[in-house]
Each structure stands twice: as structure tokens, then as C-alpha cells.
Protein backbone atom coordinates (compact mmCIF):
# COMPACT_ATOMS: atom_id res chain seq x y z
CA MET A 1 89.54 -3.46 12.71
CA GLY A 2 87.05 -5.71 11.02
CA LYS A 3 87.78 -8.54 8.66
CA GLY A 4 87.77 -8.54 4.86
CA ARG A 5 86.54 -5.73 2.64
CA GLY A 6 83.74 -4.56 4.94
CA ASP A 7 85.96 -2.44 7.17
CA GLU A 8 85.66 1.03 5.65
CA VAL A 9 88.00 2.70 8.15
CA SER A 10 90.74 0.15 7.53
CA ARG A 11 90.27 0.45 3.77
CA THR A 12 90.45 4.25 3.89
CA LEU A 13 93.68 4.11 5.91
CA ASP A 14 95.13 1.57 3.47
CA ILE A 15 94.34 3.81 0.49
CA LEU A 16 95.80 6.87 2.23
CA LEU A 17 99.00 5.09 3.30
CA ALA A 18 99.47 3.34 -0.06
CA SER A 19 98.99 6.62 -1.95
CA ILE A 20 101.53 8.46 0.21
CA LEU A 21 104.07 5.63 -0.04
CA LEU A 22 103.68 5.44 -3.83
CA VAL A 23 104.31 9.16 -4.22
CA VAL A 24 107.31 9.07 -1.86
CA SER A 25 108.78 5.97 -3.49
CA ALA A 26 108.15 7.05 -7.11
CA PRO A 27 111.74 8.29 -7.73
CA PHE A 28 113.15 5.06 -6.25
CA LEU A 29 110.77 2.95 -8.34
CA LEU A 30 111.85 4.69 -11.55
CA ILE A 31 115.54 4.21 -10.73
CA ALA A 32 115.05 0.57 -9.70
CA MET A 33 113.05 -0.19 -12.84
CA LEU A 34 115.76 1.43 -14.99
CA LEU A 35 118.50 -0.60 -13.26
CA ILE A 36 116.50 -3.81 -13.72
CA ARG A 37 116.14 -3.10 -17.44
CA ILE A 38 119.82 -2.20 -17.85
CA GLU A 39 121.03 -5.26 -15.97
CA GLY A 40 118.98 -7.93 -17.66
CA GLY A 41 116.42 -6.55 -20.06
CA GLY A 42 112.83 -7.71 -19.97
CA SER A 43 110.00 -6.20 -17.98
CA ALA A 44 110.85 -4.49 -14.70
CA ILE A 45 107.50 -5.57 -13.26
CA TYR A 46 106.87 -9.20 -12.33
CA ARG A 47 103.26 -10.39 -12.29
CA GLN A 48 102.16 -13.55 -10.54
CA THR A 49 98.79 -15.08 -9.71
CA ARG A 50 98.22 -15.16 -5.95
CA VAL A 51 95.29 -16.15 -3.75
CA GLY A 52 93.60 -13.48 -1.69
CA LEU A 53 90.46 -12.78 0.30
CA ASN A 54 88.00 -15.69 0.40
CA GLY A 55 90.25 -17.69 -1.94
CA HIS A 56 89.85 -15.34 -4.91
CA GLU A 57 92.84 -15.12 -7.25
CA PHE A 58 94.44 -11.86 -8.38
CA GLU A 59 97.57 -10.68 -10.17
CA MET A 60 100.18 -9.48 -7.68
CA LEU A 61 102.80 -6.96 -8.84
CA LYS A 62 106.45 -6.91 -7.75
CA LEU A 63 109.73 -5.57 -9.07
CA ARG A 64 111.44 -8.33 -11.05
CA THR A 65 114.42 -9.76 -9.17
CA MET A 66 115.19 -12.77 -11.37
CA LYS A 67 116.71 -13.10 -14.80
CA PRO A 68 114.18 -13.13 -17.68
CA GLY A 69 112.97 -16.67 -18.33
CA SER A 70 113.41 -17.77 -14.71
CA ASP A 71 109.70 -17.60 -13.88
CA PRO A 72 108.71 -21.14 -14.96
CA VAL A 73 111.58 -22.55 -12.90
CA GLY A 74 110.74 -20.39 -9.91
CA ILE A 75 107.04 -21.19 -9.53
CA GLY A 76 106.75 -22.98 -6.23
CA THR A 77 110.55 -23.24 -5.96
CA ALA A 78 112.15 -21.60 -2.94
CA VAL A 79 114.68 -18.88 -3.69
CA GLN A 80 117.95 -19.59 -1.90
CA LEU A 81 120.39 -16.96 -0.60
CA ASP A 82 122.79 -17.35 -3.53
CA ASP A 83 120.21 -18.43 -6.12
CA PRO A 84 121.78 -17.97 -9.59
CA ARG A 85 118.40 -16.91 -10.98
CA VAL A 86 118.47 -13.72 -8.90
CA THR A 87 120.15 -10.70 -10.48
CA GLY A 88 122.55 -8.37 -8.67
CA VAL A 89 119.94 -5.62 -8.42
CA GLY A 90 117.36 -8.24 -7.52
CA ARG A 91 119.48 -9.52 -4.63
CA TRP A 92 119.54 -6.03 -3.10
CA LEU A 93 115.82 -5.52 -3.71
CA ARG A 94 115.03 -8.82 -2.00
CA ARG A 95 117.34 -8.17 0.95
CA THR A 96 115.62 -4.86 1.66
CA SER A 97 112.14 -6.19 0.68
CA LEU A 98 111.84 -3.21 -1.67
CA ASP A 99 110.78 -5.51 -4.51
CA GLU A 100 107.37 -5.47 -2.83
CA VAL A 101 106.74 -1.72 -3.41
CA PRO A 102 104.49 -2.37 -6.46
CA ASN A 103 102.19 -4.27 -4.07
CA LEU A 104 100.94 -0.78 -3.18
CA VAL A 105 99.10 -0.78 -6.52
CA ASN A 106 97.37 -3.99 -5.41
CA VAL A 107 96.34 -2.18 -2.23
CA LEU A 108 94.82 0.68 -4.24
CA ARG A 109 92.95 -1.88 -6.37
CA GLY A 110 91.44 -3.40 -3.21
CA GLU A 111 93.17 -6.76 -3.74
CA MET A 112 95.51 -6.36 -0.79
CA ALA A 113 95.85 -4.46 2.49
CA VAL A 114 99.00 -2.90 3.89
CA VAL A 115 99.00 -5.45 6.74
CA GLY A 116 97.75 -9.03 6.45
CA PRO A 117 98.90 -12.56 5.62
CA ARG A 118 101.17 -12.64 2.56
CA PRO A 119 99.26 -14.00 -0.46
CA THR A 120 100.49 -17.35 -1.74
CA ILE A 121 100.35 -19.10 -5.11
CA PRO A 122 97.39 -21.37 -6.02
CA ALA A 123 99.59 -24.51 -6.01
CA GLN A 124 100.32 -24.01 -2.32
CA VAL A 125 96.73 -23.19 -1.41
CA ALA A 126 95.56 -26.39 -3.10
CA ASP A 127 97.23 -28.33 -0.28
CA TYR A 128 95.76 -26.25 2.56
CA THR A 129 93.55 -27.83 5.21
CA ASP A 130 90.26 -26.09 6.07
CA HIS A 131 92.01 -24.69 9.14
CA GLN A 132 94.86 -23.25 7.06
CA LYS A 133 92.39 -21.66 4.64
CA ARG A 134 91.34 -19.36 7.51
CA ARG A 135 94.27 -17.10 6.54
CA HIS A 136 92.03 -16.03 3.61
CA GLU A 137 89.40 -14.55 5.94
CA VAL A 138 91.14 -11.16 5.64
CA LEU A 139 92.77 -9.30 2.78
CA PRO A 140 96.36 -10.42 2.17
CA GLY A 141 99.00 -7.86 3.06
CA ILE A 142 102.29 -6.37 1.95
CA THR A 143 103.66 -7.20 5.38
CA GLY A 144 102.25 -9.39 8.09
CA TRP A 145 102.62 -10.99 11.49
CA ALA A 146 104.50 -14.00 10.09
CA GLN A 147 106.88 -11.81 8.05
CA VAL A 148 108.09 -9.85 11.07
CA GLN A 149 108.70 -12.97 13.17
CA GLY A 150 111.79 -14.01 11.22
CA ARG A 151 113.32 -14.87 7.90
CA ALA A 152 113.25 -18.15 5.95
CA GLY A 153 114.04 -20.11 9.12
CA ILE A 154 110.35 -20.27 9.97
CA PRO A 155 108.82 -23.52 8.66
CA TRP A 156 105.95 -22.94 6.23
CA GLU A 157 103.37 -24.58 8.53
CA ASP A 158 104.40 -22.27 11.39
CA ARG A 159 104.07 -19.22 9.16
CA ILE A 160 100.50 -20.25 8.31
CA GLU A 161 99.73 -20.65 12.03
CA LEU A 162 101.08 -17.14 12.65
CA ASP A 163 98.79 -15.86 9.88
CA ILE A 164 95.78 -17.51 11.51
CA GLU A 165 96.84 -16.05 14.85
CA TYR A 166 96.81 -12.63 13.14
CA VAL A 167 93.30 -13.26 11.79
CA ASP A 168 92.10 -14.01 15.33
CA ARG A 169 93.97 -11.15 17.02
CA ARG A 170 93.67 -8.48 14.33
CA SER A 171 93.51 -4.96 15.72
CA THR A 172 94.75 -1.45 15.02
CA ALA A 173 97.38 -1.87 17.74
CA LEU A 174 98.69 -5.13 16.24
CA ASP A 175 98.78 -3.63 12.73
CA LEU A 176 100.76 -0.66 14.07
CA LYS A 177 103.18 -3.01 15.83
CA ILE A 178 103.70 -4.95 12.59
CA LEU A 179 104.27 -1.74 10.59
CA ILE A 180 106.85 -0.43 13.08
CA LYS A 181 108.70 -3.74 13.10
CA THR A 182 108.58 -3.88 9.29
CA VAL A 183 110.21 -0.45 9.04
CA TRP A 184 112.88 -1.46 11.55
CA LEU A 185 113.69 -4.73 9.77
CA THR A 186 113.90 -2.93 6.43
CA LEU A 187 116.11 -0.09 7.70
CA THR A 188 118.48 -2.47 9.47
CA GLY A 189 118.86 -4.54 6.29
CA ARG A 190 117.55 -7.68 7.93
CA GLY A 191 114.61 -7.80 5.55
CA LEU A 192 111.43 -9.79 6.11
CA ALA A 193 110.49 -13.43 5.80
CA PRO A 194 110.36 -14.05 2.03
CA ASP A 195 107.35 -15.35 0.16
């Protein structure tokens, strides 16, 4: 696979996979959105500015997992296991990584890929070295090499190095390996490294 937006084959596969997953997950999304609204009110969709390919910013979509009004507190603040800002439904969505399903819309928009480094917030990117900025040489992904290596126990600097390793090693075989491991981690309830 090539890097960035120029890889037409990769982009076509991303669109096909994202479309299928959106159709399959539509009933779940509707139920999850209803439960989010019932539990805490407010919008079921959470929007946050993230940094993507070549450092360009975009609005990433997720299912809301925190209580309304928690966003200003949560920007750049790590979410702990028993964080009081996280709702009951949100805790389950985070544990299974299903809060990321709306990222599929970002894939269809061309802002993300299915596999790639997880996009981060501008405040974090502002502190990147030139070497660390290399993680922006490819589209950010819903799941990635760093996410399937472990949960929050991975130091942030090591996660960035894993992302750069992915940029250098990117291939169809590696993407397939990441997708298979993502499915396994999700089905076993272990979840993925959070962002």
C-alpha cells in the first residue's frame, strides 16, 4: 500500500469496508445512541478536532461516552478506568471500543483510513518533534499498530514510535494483521489502547 491519499486501491478498500461496517452496525448505532440519550441527555455524537494527514485538522466523530459538559475538562486529560465523567453506557462502549464506530463516517469522507495511526488533538501535536510528526505521513486510522500492542500501559512516546514503525512498514499484510488482532481484542472484551 502507498502512503497518504494517493493510494487508490487502499482508498477503495477503505470505502468498501467502511460502507459494509456502517450498514451492519446501523441497528447497534441506533440502539447505542438511544441509550446515550436516555442515560444522560445531550447529543449522542461527540465531535472533536483531531490532526490527520500532513497535519491537517478535521472533525472526528465518536459516540459520546461522557456526561454532557465534561468535554472542556476532558480535553487533553487522560480518562481513567473509573473516571466519574464516563457514563455507564459510555464505560461499556469504551471497553469494547465501539464508541469509535462513527469514525467510519470519517473514513467515507476521506479524513481517515480503517488502519493507521490514531489521530490526536492539536495540543498534543504542538509538542511533537519533527521525527514524531512522521506519523502524519499517512491517513490516521480507526485502529492501528500501536492500538493492538496493548492498553493504556504503553507510554505515549512509545505509542508514537509504534506509529512511525507502521508508517515505515505499511503493507497489506500488516494492515490485515492489525484488523484481525483488532477484532480479537474487541470480541474478547480486552479493548484497544485508548486515545
